[in-house]
Amino acid sequence: MMNLDRLRHRRVRPDIERTAQVLLDRLGNGAFDHAARQVAILHLADRESSADEWRRIAQEIERLTGASH
């Protein structure tokens, strides 16, 4: 049985979901790798709030594809 409480508390921002979907449409299986590269680049540039956004996008890609990396 599905854990409905967990689903109710999980709210994805529309812009995160939209970005993840666009990346999947354009890059297919490479979408997650692209998001992961963005996280790494922004982390190295000490831009943690932007890196956090890309982490959320990567997580949303995983959710949409059902794959974990």
PDB file of N, CA and C in Angstrom:
ATOM      1  N   MET A   1       0.837  -1.188   0.000  1.00  0.00           N
ATOM      2  CA  MET A   1       0.000   0.000   0.000  1.00  0.00           C
ATOM      3  C   MET A   1       0.880   1.249   0.000  1.00  0.00           C
ATOM      4  N   MET A   2       0.482   2.240  -0.726  1.00  0.00           N
ATOM      5  CA  MET A   2       1.239   3.472  -0.873  1.00  0.00           C
ATOM      6  C   MET A   2       1.194   4.296   0.414  1.00  0.00           C
ATOM      7  N   ASN A   3       2.290   4.907   0.758  1.00  0.00           N
ATOM      8  CA  ASN A   3       2.353   5.753   1.938  1.00  0.00           C
ATOM      9  C   ASN A   3       1.840   7.143   1.575  1.00  0.00           C
ATOM     10  N   LEU A   4       0.555   7.382   1.774  1.00  0.00           N
ATOM     11  CA  LEU A   4      -0.064   8.641   1.363  1.00  0.00           C
ATOM     12  C   LEU A   4       0.430   9.823   2.180  1.00  0.00           C
ATOM     13  N   ASP A   5       0.745   9.609   3.459  1.00  0.00           N
ATOM     14  CA  ASP A   5       1.257  10.715   4.276  1.00  0.00           C
ATOM     15  C   ASP A   5       2.564  11.240   3.700  1.00  0.00           C
ATOM     16  N   ARG A   6       3.426  10.323   3.255  1.00  0.00           N
ATOM     17  CA  ARG A   6       4.696  10.740   2.669  1.00  0.00           C
ATOM     18  C   ARG A   6       4.462  11.535   1.387  1.00  0.00           C
ATOM     19  N   LEU A   7       3.508  11.107   0.578  1.00  0.00           N
ATOM     20  CA  LEU A   7       3.221  11.812  -0.664  1.00  0.00           C
ATOM     21  C   LEU A   7       2.634  13.187  -0.409  1.00  0.00           C
ATOM     22  N   ARG A   8       1.791  13.309   0.590  1.00  0.00           N
ATOM     23  CA  ARG A   8       1.176  14.602   0.896  1.00  0.00           C
ATOM     24  C   ARG A   8       2.216  15.630   1.324  1.00  0.00           C
ATOM     25  N   HIS A   9       3.236  15.181   2.049  1.00  0.00           N
ATOM     26  CA  HIS A   9       4.249  16.113   2.560  1.00  0.00           C
ATOM     27  C   HIS A   9       5.295  16.462   1.518  1.00  0.00           C
ATOM     28  N   ARG A  10       5.322  15.727   0.446  1.00  0.00           N
ATOM     29  CA  ARG A  10       6.309  15.967  -0.595  1.00  0.00           C
ATOM     30  C   ARG A  10       5.725  16.944  -1.610  1.00  0.00           C
ATOM     31  N   ARG A  11       6.253  18.120  -1.609  1.00  0.00           N
ATOM     32  CA  ARG A  11       5.785  19.132  -2.546  1.00  0.00           C
ATOM     33  C   ARG A  11       6.959  19.575  -3.408  1.00  0.00           C
ATOM     34  N   VAL A  12       6.795  19.396  -4.699  1.00  0.00           N
ATOM     35  CA  VAL A  12       7.825  19.802  -5.646  1.00  0.00           C
ATOM     36  C   VAL A  12       7.406  21.144  -6.226  1.00  0.00           C
ATOM     37  N   ARG A  13       8.327  22.068  -6.206  1.00  0.00           N
ATOM     38  CA  ARG A  13       8.028  23.367  -6.810  1.00  0.00           C
ATOM     39  C   ARG A  13       7.804  23.179  -8.296  1.00  0.00           C
ATOM     40  N   PRO A  14       6.823  23.881  -8.849  1.00  0.00           N
ATOM     41  CA  PRO A  14       6.520  23.730 -10.280  1.00  0.00           C
ATOM     42  C   PRO A  14       7.716  24.024 -11.187  1.00  0.00           C
ATOM     43  N   ASP A  15       8.548  25.000 -10.826  1.00  0.00           N
ATOM     44  CA  ASP A  15       9.696  25.321 -11.672  1.00  0.00           C
ATOM     45  C   ASP A  15      10.737  24.200 -11.651  1.00  0.00           C
ATOM     46  N   ILE A  16      10.897  23.540 -10.526  1.00  0.00           N
ATOM     47  CA  ILE A  16      11.825  22.408 -10.426  1.00  0.00           C
ATOM     48  C   ILE A  16      11.310  21.257 -11.284  1.00  0.00           C
ATOM     49  N   GLU A  17      10.031  20.960 -11.147  1.00  0.00           N
ATOM     50  CA  GLU A  17       9.431  19.877 -11.915  1.00  0.00           C
ATOM     51  C   GLU A  17       9.492  20.165 -13.413  1.00  0.00           C
ATOM     52  N   ARG A  18       9.209  21.390 -13.790  1.00  0.00           N
ATOM     53  CA  ARG A  18       9.233  21.781 -15.204  1.00  0.00           C
ATOM     54  C   ARG A  18      10.645  21.684 -15.774  1.00  0.00           C
ATOM     55  N   THR A  19      11.634  22.171 -15.029  1.00  0.00           N
ATOM     56  CA  THR A  19      13.023  22.105 -15.484  1.00  0.00           C
ATOM     57  C   THR A  19      13.466  20.661 -15.654  1.00  0.00           C
ATOM     58  N   ALA A  20      13.119  19.812 -14.685  1.00  0.00           N
ATOM     59  CA  ALA A  20      13.479  18.398 -14.777  1.00  0.00           C
ATOM     60  C   ALA A  20      12.852  17.762 -16.016  1.00  0.00           C
ATOM     61  N   GLN A  21      11.597  18.087 -16.282  1.00  0.00           N
ATOM     62  CA  GLN A  21      10.916  17.509 -17.440  1.00  0.00           C
ATOM     63  C   GLN A  21      11.533  17.999 -18.754  1.00  0.00           C
ATOM     64  N   VAL A  22      11.880  19.275 -18.823  1.00  0.00           N
ATOM     65  CA  VAL A  22      12.517  19.808 -20.034  1.00  0.00           C
ATOM     66  C   VAL A  22      13.858  19.116 -20.267  1.00  0.00           C
ATOM     67  N   LEU A  23      14.632  18.942 -19.207  1.00  0.00           N
ATOM     68  CA  LEU A  23      15.922  18.255 -19.352  1.00  0.00           C
ATOM     69  C   LEU A  23      15.729  16.824 -19.835  1.00  0.00           C
ATOM     70  N   LEU A  24      14.738  16.138 -19.288  1.00  0.00           N
ATOM     71  CA  LEU A  24      14.470  14.777 -19.738  1.00  0.00           C
ATOM     72  C   LEU A  24      14.054  14.752 -21.199  1.00  0.00           C
ATOM     73  N   ASP A  25      13.227  15.698 -21.596  1.00  0.00           N
ATOM     74  CA  ASP A  25      12.780  15.761 -22.987  1.00  0.00           C
ATOM     75  C   ASP A  25      13.947  16.025 -23.934  1.00  0.00           C
ATOM     76  N   ARG A  26      14.849  16.887 -23.521  1.00  0.00           N
ATOM     77  CA  ARG A  26      15.959  17.277 -24.402  1.00  0.00           C
ATOM     78  C   ARG A  26      17.160  16.343 -24.338  1.00  0.00           C
ATOM     79  N   LEU A  27      17.455  15.845 -23.134  1.00  0.00           N
ATOM     80  CA  LEU A  27      18.688  15.085 -22.941  1.00  0.00           C
ATOM     81  C   LEU A  27      18.464  13.601 -22.680  1.00  0.00           C
ATOM     82  N   GLY A  28      17.235  13.218 -22.457  1.00  0.00           N
ATOM     83  CA  GLY A  28      16.943  11.805 -22.179  1.00  0.00           C
ATOM     84  C   GLY A  28      17.722  11.298 -20.985  1.00  0.00           C
ATOM     85  N   ASN A  29      18.426  10.189 -21.200  1.00  0.00           N
ATOM     86  CA  ASN A  29      19.188   9.565 -20.109  1.00  0.00           C
ATOM     87  C   ASN A  29      20.317  10.447 -19.580  1.00  0.00           C
ATOM     88  N   GLY A  30      20.706  11.463 -20.321  1.00  0.00           N
ATOM     89  CA  GLY A  30      21.776  12.357 -19.879  1.00  0.00           C
ATOM     90  C   GLY A  30      21.304  13.478 -18.969  1.00  0.00           C
ATOM     91  N   ALA A  31      20.008  13.549 -18.714  1.00  0.00           N
ATOM     92  CA  ALA A  31      19.458  14.644 -17.900  1.00  0.00           C
ATOM     93  C   ALA A  31      20.029  14.652 -16.493  1.00  0.00           C
ATOM     94  N   PHE A  32      20.084  13.489 -15.863  1.00  0.00           N
ATOM     95  CA  PHE A  32      20.603  13.442 -14.501  1.00  0.00           C
ATOM     96  C   PHE A  32      22.069  13.842 -14.471  1.00  0.00           C
ATOM     97  N   ASP A  33      22.852  13.347 -15.421  1.00  0.00           N
ATOM     98  CA  ASP A  33      24.280  13.690 -15.467  1.00  0.00           C
ATOM     99  C   ASP A  33      24.482  15.193 -15.644  1.00  0.00           C
ATOM    100  N   HIS A  34      23.649  15.802 -16.457  1.00  0.00           N
ATOM    101  CA  HIS A  34      23.735  17.250 -16.656  1.00  0.00           C
ATOM    102  C   HIS A  34      23.468  17.977 -15.342  1.00  0.00           C
ATOM    103  N   ALA A  35      22.421  17.589 -14.653  1.00  0.00           N
ATOM    104  CA  ALA A  35      22.090  18.225 -13.370  1.00  0.00           C
ATOM    105  C   ALA A  35      23.209  18.014 -12.354  1.00  0.00           C
ATOM    106  N   ALA A  36      23.768  16.817 -12.326  1.00  0.00           N
ATOM    107  CA  ALA A  36      24.858  16.522 -11.390  1.00  0.00           C
ATOM    108  C   ALA A  36      26.088  17.381 -11.688  1.00  0.00           C
ATOM    109  N   ARG A  37      26.387  17.577 -12.965  1.00  0.00           N
ATOM    110  CA  ARG A  37      27.520  18.446 -13.337  1.00  0.00           C
ATOM    111  C   ARG A  37      27.270  19.879 -12.863  1.00  0.00           C
ATOM    112  N   GLN A  38      26.045  20.350 -13.019  1.00  0.00           N
ATOM    113  CA  GLN A  38      25.716  21.707 -12.572  1.00  0.00           C
ATOM    114  C   GLN A  38      25.920  21.836 -11.059  1.00  0.00           C
ATOM    115  N   VAL A  39      25.512  20.819 -10.319  1.00  0.00           N
ATOM    116  CA  VAL A  39      25.717  20.831  -8.860  1.00  0.00           C
ATOM    117  C   VAL A  39      27.202  20.956  -8.559  1.00  0.00           C
ATOM    118  N   ALA A  40      28.018  20.142  -9.209  1.00  0.00           N
ATOM    119  CA  ALA A  40      29.459  20.154  -8.945  1.00  0.00           C
ATOM    120  C   ALA A  40      30.084  21.493  -9.292  1.00  0.00           C
ATOM    121  N   ILE A  41      29.741  22.033 -10.447  1.00  0.00           N
ATOM    122  CA  ILE A  41      30.301  23.317 -10.878  1.00  0.00           C
ATOM    123  C   ILE A  41      29.926  24.423  -9.907  1.00  0.00           C
ATOM    124  N   LEU A  42      28.661  24.473  -9.532  1.00  0.00           N
ATOM    125  CA  LEU A  42      28.196  25.537  -8.629  1.00  0.00           C
ATOM    126  C   LEU A  42      28.765  25.367  -7.227  1.00  0.00           C
ATOM    127  N   HIS A  43      28.945  24.123  -6.801  1.00  0.00           N
ATOM    128  CA  HIS A  43      29.565  23.880  -5.493  1.00  0.00           C
ATOM    129  C   HIS A  43      31.007  24.390  -5.492  1.00  0.00           C
ATOM    130  N   LEU A  44      31.740  24.082  -6.556  1.00  0.00           N
ATOM    131  CA  LEU A  44      33.122  24.555  -6.650  1.00  0.00           C
ATOM    132  C   LEU A  44      33.202  26.078  -6.716  1.00  0.00           C
ATOM    133  N   ALA A  45      32.181  26.700  -7.282  1.00  0.00           N
ATOM    134  CA  ALA A  45      32.139  28.162  -7.384  1.00  0.00           C
ATOM    135  C   ALA A  45      31.589  28.802  -6.108  1.00  0.00           C
ATOM    136  N   ASP A  46      31.340  27.975  -5.084  1.00  0.00           N
ATOM    137  CA  ASP A  46      30.821  28.446  -3.796  1.00  0.00           C
ATOM    138  C   ASP A  46      29.473  29.153  -3.946  1.00  0.00           C
ATOM    139  N   ARG A  47      28.650  28.597  -4.803  1.00  0.00           N
ATOM    140  CA  ARG A  47      27.293  29.120  -5.019  1.00  0.00           C
ATOM    141  C   ARG A  47      26.301  28.067  -4.549  1.00  0.00           C
ATOM    142  N   GLU A  48      26.273  27.875  -3.234  1.00  0.00           N
ATOM    143  CA  GLU A  48      25.515  26.773  -2.647  1.00  0.00           C
ATOM    144  C   GLU A  48      24.011  26.864  -2.857  1.00  0.00           C
ATOM    145  N   SER A  49      23.443  28.061  -2.853  1.00  0.00           N
ATOM    146  CA  SER A  49      21.986  28.127  -3.056  1.00  0.00           C
ATOM    147  C   SER A  49      21.627  27.668  -4.471  1.00  0.00           C
ATOM    148  N   SER A  50      22.448  28.012  -5.447  1.00  0.00           N
ATOM    149  CA  SER A  50      22.209  27.540  -6.807  1.00  0.00           C
ATOM    150  C   SER A  50      22.467  26.042  -6.916  1.00  0.00           C
ATOM    151  N   ALA A  51      23.497  25.565  -6.238  1.00  0.00           N
ATOM    152  CA  ALA A  51      23.777  24.129  -6.229  1.00  0.00           C
ATOM    153  C   ALA A  51      22.610  23.368  -5.615  1.00  0.00           C
ATOM    154  N   ASP A  52      22.012  23.913  -4.570  1.00  0.00           N
ATOM    155  CA  ASP A  52      20.856  23.278  -3.940  1.00  0.00           C
ATOM    156  C   ASP A  52      19.678  23.179  -4.901  1.00  0.00           C
ATOM    157  N   GLU A  53      19.480  24.201  -5.721  1.00  0.00           N
ATOM    158  CA  GLU A  53      18.402  24.157  -6.721  1.00  0.00           C
ATOM    159  C   GLU A  53      18.640  23.016  -7.704  1.00  0.00           C
ATOM    160  N   TRP A  54      19.869  22.876  -8.160  1.00  0.00           N
ATOM    161  CA  TRP A  54      20.183  21.808  -9.106  1.00  0.00           C
ATOM    162  C   TRP A  54      20.097  20.438  -8.442  1.00  0.00           C
ATOM    163  N   ARG A  55      20.393  20.352  -7.142  1.00  0.00           N
ATOM    164  CA  ARG A  55      20.202  19.082  -6.424  1.00  0.00           C
ATOM    165  C   ARG A  55      18.727  18.692  -6.447  1.00  0.00           C
ATOM    166  N   ARG A  56      17.858  19.670  -6.226  1.00  0.00           N
ATOM    167  CA  ARG A  56      16.417  19.405  -6.269  1.00  0.00           C
ATOM    168  C   ARG A  56      15.988  18.954  -7.668  1.00  0.00           C
ATOM    169  N   ILE A  57      16.559  19.572  -8.682  1.00  0.00           N
ATOM    170  CA  ILE A  57      16.241  19.174 -10.060  1.00  0.00           C
ATOM    171  C   ILE A  57      16.695  17.736 -10.295  1.00  0.00           C
ATOM    172  N   ALA A  58      17.897  17.398  -9.841  1.00  0.00           N
ATOM    173  CA  ALA A  58      18.404  16.023  -9.999  1.00  0.00           C
ATOM    174  C   ALA A  58      17.496  15.031  -9.268  1.00  0.00           C
ATOM    175  N   GLN A  59      17.059  15.384  -8.078  1.00  0.00           N
ATOM    176  CA  GLN A  59      16.146  14.518  -7.327  1.00  0.00           C
ATOM    177  C   GLN A  59      14.821  14.349  -8.060  1.00  0.00           C
ATOM    178  N   GLU A  60      14.342  15.412  -8.668  1.00  0.00           N
ATOM    179  CA  GLU A  60      13.088  15.343  -9.413  1.00  0.00           C
ATOM    180  C   GLU A  60      13.259  14.477 -10.661  1.00  0.00           C
ATOM    181  N   ILE A  61      14.407  14.554 -11.306  1.00  0.00           N
ATOM    182  CA  ILE A  61      14.679  13.685 -12.454  1.00  0.00           C
ATOM    183  C   ILE A  61      14.627  12.230 -12.013  1.00  0.00           C
ATOM    184  N   GLU A  62      15.236  11.940 -10.875  1.00  0.00           N
ATOM    185  CA  GLU A  62      15.181  10.570 -10.348  1.00  0.00           C
ATOM    186  C   GLU A  62      13.745  10.144 -10.085  1.00  0.00           C
ATOM    187  N   ARG A  63      12.952  11.033  -9.519  1.00  0.00           N
ATOM    188  CA  ARG A  63      11.561  10.705  -9.222  1.00  0.00           C
ATOM    189  C   ARG A  63      10.790  10.444 -10.514  1.00  0.00           C
ATOM    190  N   LEU A  64      10.978  11.305 -11.513  1.00  0.00           N
ATOM    191  CA  LEU A  64      10.251  11.165 -12.765  1.00  0.00           C
ATOM    192  C   LEU A  64      10.642   9.895 -13.533  1.00  0.00           C
ATOM    193  N   THR A  65      11.897   9.521 -13.438  1.00  0.00           N
ATOM    194  CA  THR A  65      12.372   8.348 -14.189  1.00  0.00           C
ATOM    195  C   THR A  65      12.265   7.063 -13.383  1.00  0.00           C
ATOM    196  N   GLY A  66      12.125   7.181 -12.084  1.00  0.00           N
ATOM    197  CA  GLY A  66      12.085   5.994 -11.241  1.00  0.00           C
ATOM    198  C   GLY A  66      13.448   5.362 -11.043  1.00  0.00           C
ATOM    199  N   ALA A  67      14.489   6.078 -11.419  1.00  0.00           N
ATOM    200  CA  ALA A  67      15.859   5.567 -11.285  1.00  0.00           C
ATOM    201  C   ALA A  67      16.581   6.304 -10.166  1.00  0.00           C
ATOM    202  N   SER A  68      17.444   5.595  -9.477  1.00  0.00           N
ATOM    203  CA  SER A  68      18.284   6.261  -8.480  1.00  0.00           C
ATOM    204  C   SER A  68      19.723   6.192  -8.948  1.00  0.00           C
ATOM    205  N   HIS A  69      20.446   7.256  -8.699  1.00  0.00           N
ATOM    206  CA  HIS A  69      21.842   7.343  -9.149  1.00  0.00           C
ATOM    207  C   HIS A  69      22.766   7.415  -7.967  1.00  0.00           C
TER     208      HIS A  69
END
